[in-house]
Amino acid sequence: TGTAFAAASQDGVVCVWEARMGKVLAKMSTQRACRAVKFSRGAVDLLLFSEHESTCHVVDARTYNSRQVLQMSGSPSDISGISFCPDGKKLFVGLGDQGIVEYEVDHVSRRSFPAGSLL
């Protein structure tokens, strides 16, 4: 995704642009405010974005057509941050004072997505 730029907004929209041409590549909507958005690095083309509470979305950044929703377990909790590890094999979701949730990216299923899941 070397030339893609993404922004999350309070109105629940995540928009991805091709940075050089200013062309919109994808627009995704949720029911709640979106707080953060990150692209993975390396060979795994993923986009991760979070809603204000309890939900993150992992998107196939090759086409932006496939999405896996991650629902944080337990009571509703504010998502304080999201990140990929540098090799793209894991992603992390910060849940304020409740800790950090770690997910492994399934690289084998990733190659066949959407038939397989991302995590």
C-alpha atoms as a PDB file:
ATOM      1  CA  THR A   1       0.000   0.000   0.000  1.00  0.00           C
ATOM      2  CA  GLY A   2       2.964   2.309  -0.562  1.00  0.00           C
ATOM      3  CA  THR A   3       0.939   5.178  -2.017  1.00  0.00           C
ATOM      4  CA  ALA A   4      -2.294   4.778  -0.057  1.00  0.00           C
ATOM      5  CA  PHE A   5      -3.349   7.190   2.675  1.00  0.00           C
ATOM      6  CA  ALA A   6      -6.214   6.478   5.105  1.00  0.00           C
ATOM      7  CA  ALA A   7      -8.122   8.605   7.603  1.00  0.00           C
ATOM      8  CA  ALA A   8     -10.701   7.677  10.249  1.00  0.00           C
ATOM      9  CA  SER A   9     -13.407  10.158  11.227  1.00  0.00           C
ATOM     10  CA  GLN A  10     -15.834  10.928  14.014  1.00  0.00           C
ATOM     11  CA  ASP A  11     -18.828  10.246  11.728  1.00  0.00           C
ATOM     12  CA  GLY A  12     -17.879   6.547  11.415  1.00  0.00           C
ATOM     13  CA  VAL A  13     -16.227   6.724   7.997  1.00  0.00           C
ATOM     14  CA  VAL A  14     -12.784   5.466   7.004  1.00  0.00           C
ATOM     15  CA  CYS A  15     -11.622   6.748   3.648  1.00  0.00           C
ATOM     16  CA  VAL A  16      -8.586   5.512   1.700  1.00  0.00           C
ATOM     17  CA  TRP A  17      -6.983   7.660  -1.002  1.00  0.00           C
ATOM     18  CA  GLU A  18      -4.282   7.055  -3.565  1.00  0.00           C
ATOM     19  CA  ALA A  19      -1.920   9.764  -2.361  1.00  0.00           C
ATOM     20  CA  ARG A  20      -0.352  10.802  -5.665  1.00  0.00           C
ATOM     21  CA  MET A  21      -3.574  11.237  -7.634  1.00  0.00           C
ATOM     22  CA  GLY A  22      -5.934  12.157  -4.793  1.00  0.00           C
ATOM     23  CA  LYS A  23      -8.349   9.445  -5.947  1.00  0.00           C
ATOM     24  CA  VAL A  24     -10.603   7.709  -3.406  1.00  0.00           C
ATOM     25  CA  LEU A  25      -9.804   3.970  -3.379  1.00  0.00           C
ATOM     26  CA  ALA A  26     -12.294   2.906  -0.710  1.00  0.00           C
ATOM     27  CA  LYS A  27     -14.844   4.273   1.727  1.00  0.00           C
ATOM     28  CA  MET A  28     -16.002   2.151   4.677  1.00  0.00           C
ATOM     29  CA  SER A  29     -18.690   3.028   7.214  1.00  0.00           C
ATOM     30  CA  THR A  30     -19.531   1.896  10.736  1.00  0.00           C
ATOM     31  CA  GLN A  31     -22.265   2.737  13.238  1.00  0.00           C
ATOM     32  CA  ARG A  32     -19.840   4.417  15.677  1.00  0.00           C
ATOM     33  CA  ALA A  33     -17.036   6.934  15.529  1.00  0.00           C
ATOM     34  CA  CYS A  34     -13.758   5.605  14.130  1.00  0.00           C
ATOM     35  CA  ARG A  35     -10.675   6.440  16.152  1.00  0.00           C
ATOM     36  CA  ALA A  36      -7.541   5.026  14.549  1.00  0.00           C
ATOM     37  CA  VAL A  37      -6.390   3.494  11.286  1.00  0.00           C
ATOM     38  CA  LYS A  38      -3.144   1.658  10.414  1.00  0.00           C
ATOM     39  CA  PHE A  39      -1.686  -0.152   7.420  1.00  0.00           C
ATOM     40  CA  SER A  40       0.464  -3.240   7.974  1.00  0.00           C
ATOM     41  CA  ARG A  41       4.038  -3.234   6.734  1.00  0.00           C
ATOM     42  CA  GLY A  42       5.756  -5.807   4.599  1.00  0.00           C
ATOM     43  CA  ALA A  43       4.210  -8.422   2.362  1.00  0.00           C
ATOM     44  CA  VAL A  44       0.864  -8.578   4.212  1.00  0.00           C
ATOM     45  CA  ASP A  45      -1.483  -5.916   2.834  1.00  0.00           C
ATOM     46  CA  LEU A  46      -3.911  -5.239   5.654  1.00  0.00           C
ATOM     47  CA  LEU A  47      -5.684  -2.162   6.940  1.00  0.00           C
ATOM     48  CA  LEU A  48      -6.763  -2.091  10.583  1.00  0.00           C
ATOM     49  CA  PHE A  49      -9.182   0.465  11.976  1.00  0.00           C
ATOM     50  CA  SER A  50     -10.953   0.822  15.300  1.00  0.00           C
ATOM     51  CA  GLU A  51     -14.308   2.099  16.387  1.00  0.00           C
ATOM     52  CA  HIS A  52     -14.635   4.083  19.599  1.00  0.00           C
ATOM     53  CA  GLU A  53     -15.693   1.061  21.652  1.00  0.00           C
ATOM     54  CA  SER A  54     -15.062  -2.670  21.513  1.00  0.00           C
ATOM     55  CA  THR A  55     -14.743  -3.210  17.731  1.00  0.00           C
ATOM     56  CA  CYS A  56     -11.874  -3.312  15.236  1.00  0.00           C
ATOM     57  CA  HIS A  57     -11.999  -4.069  11.531  1.00  0.00           C
ATOM     58  CA  VAL A  58      -9.278  -5.856   9.553  1.00  0.00           C
ATOM     59  CA  VAL A  59      -9.552  -5.100   5.831  1.00  0.00           C
ATOM     60  CA  ASP A  60      -7.883  -6.725   2.830  1.00  0.00           C
ATOM     61  CA  ALA A  61      -5.919  -3.716   1.507  1.00  0.00           C
ATOM     62  CA  ARG A  62      -5.412  -5.325  -1.892  1.00  0.00           C
ATOM     63  CA  THR A  63      -9.044  -4.731  -2.871  1.00  0.00           C
ATOM     64  CA  TYR A  64     -10.753  -3.202   0.217  1.00  0.00           C
ATOM     65  CA  ASN A  65     -13.704  -5.537  -0.478  1.00  0.00           C
ATOM     66  CA  SER A  66     -13.205  -8.058   2.357  1.00  0.00           C
ATOM     67  CA  ARG A  67     -13.362  -7.274   6.043  1.00  0.00           C
ATOM     68  CA  GLN A  68     -13.111  -9.258   9.274  1.00  0.00           C
ATOM     69  CA  VAL A  69     -14.631  -7.731  12.421  1.00  0.00           C
ATOM     70  CA  LEU A  70     -12.918  -8.231  15.780  1.00  0.00           C
ATOM     71  CA  GLN A  71     -15.235  -7.828  18.747  1.00  0.00           C
ATOM     72  CA  MET A  72     -13.399  -7.271  22.021  1.00  0.00           C
ATOM     73  CA  SER A  73     -14.792  -9.575  24.698  1.00  0.00           C
ATOM     74  CA  GLY A  74     -16.192  -8.465  28.010  1.00  0.00           C
ATOM     75  CA  SER A  75     -17.947  -5.219  28.801  1.00  0.00           C
ATOM     76  CA  PRO A  76     -17.712  -2.329  26.337  1.00  0.00           C
ATOM     77  CA  SER A  77     -14.252  -0.841  26.505  1.00  0.00           C
ATOM     78  CA  ASP A  78     -12.646   2.169  24.893  1.00  0.00           C
ATOM     79  CA  ILE A  79     -10.043   1.271  22.304  1.00  0.00           C
ATOM     80  CA  SER A  80      -7.003   3.369  23.114  1.00  0.00           C
ATOM     81  CA  GLY A  81      -4.726   2.291  20.266  1.00  0.00           C
ATOM     82  CA  ILE A  82      -3.982  -0.196  17.502  1.00  0.00           C
ATOM     83  CA  SER A  83      -0.725  -1.399  15.987  1.00  0.00           C
ATOM     84  CA  PHE A  84       0.923  -4.064  13.845  1.00  0.00           C
ATOM     85  CA  CYS A  85       4.289  -5.550  14.790  1.00  0.00           C
ATOM     86  CA  PRO A  86       6.959  -4.644  12.184  1.00  0.00           C
ATOM     87  CA  ASP A  87       6.844  -8.027  10.405  1.00  0.00           C
ATOM     88  CA  GLY A  88       3.031  -7.916  10.116  1.00  0.00           C
ATOM     89  CA  LYS A  89       2.572 -11.267  11.851  1.00  0.00           C
ATOM     90  CA  LYS A  90       0.709  -9.824  14.849  1.00  0.00           C
ATOM     91  CA  LEU A  91      -1.608  -6.951  15.599  1.00  0.00           C
ATOM     92  CA  PHE A  92      -2.389  -5.357  18.920  1.00  0.00           C
ATOM     93  CA  VAL A  93      -5.434  -3.566  20.316  1.00  0.00           C
ATOM     94  CA  GLY A  94      -5.058  -1.360  23.393  1.00  0.00           C
ATOM     95  CA  LEU A  95      -8.062  -1.368  25.720  1.00  0.00           C
ATOM     96  CA  GLY A  96      -7.259   1.550  28.005  1.00  0.00           C
ATOM     97  CA  ASP A  97      -6.564   0.378  31.535  1.00  0.00           C
ATOM     98  CA  GLN A  98      -7.846  -3.141  30.695  1.00  0.00           C
ATOM     99  CA  GLY A  99      -4.641  -4.112  28.874  1.00  0.00           C
ATOM    100  CA  ILE A 100      -3.629  -5.117  25.370  1.00  0.00           C
ATOM    101  CA  VAL A 101      -5.152  -7.826  23.179  1.00  0.00           C
ATOM    102  CA  GLU A 102      -2.801  -9.617  20.760  1.00  0.00           C
ATOM    103  CA  TYR A 103      -3.884 -11.344  17.538  1.00  0.00           C
ATOM    104  CA  GLU A 104      -1.785 -13.457  15.187  1.00  0.00           C
ATOM    105  CA  VAL A 105      -2.239 -12.859  11.463  1.00  0.00           C
ATOM    106  CA  ASP A 106      -2.768 -16.188   9.707  1.00  0.00           C
ATOM    107  CA  HIS A 107      -0.410 -15.842   6.729  1.00  0.00           C
ATOM    108  CA  VAL A 108      -1.546 -19.089   5.081  1.00  0.00           C
ATOM    109  CA  SER A 109      -5.235 -18.135   5.163  1.00  0.00           C
ATOM    110  CA  ARG A 110      -4.279 -14.589   4.282  1.00  0.00           C
ATOM    111  CA  ARG A 111      -3.000 -15.721   0.892  1.00  0.00           C
ATOM    112  CA  SER A 112      -6.413 -17.213   0.081  1.00  0.00           C
ATOM    113  CA  PHE A 113      -8.558 -14.458   1.620  1.00  0.00           C
ATOM    114  CA  PRO A 114     -11.572 -14.175   1.364  1.00  0.00           C
ATOM    115  CA  ALA A 115     -11.811 -17.979   1.588  1.00  0.00           C
ATOM    116  CA  GLY A 116      -9.773 -17.946   4.789  1.00  0.00           C
ATOM    117  CA  SER A 117      -9.844 -15.579   7.707  1.00  0.00           C
ATOM    118  CA  LEU A 118      -7.174 -13.037   8.481  1.00  0.00           C
ATOM    119  CA  LEU A 119      -6.609 -13.965  12.094  1.00  0.00           C
END
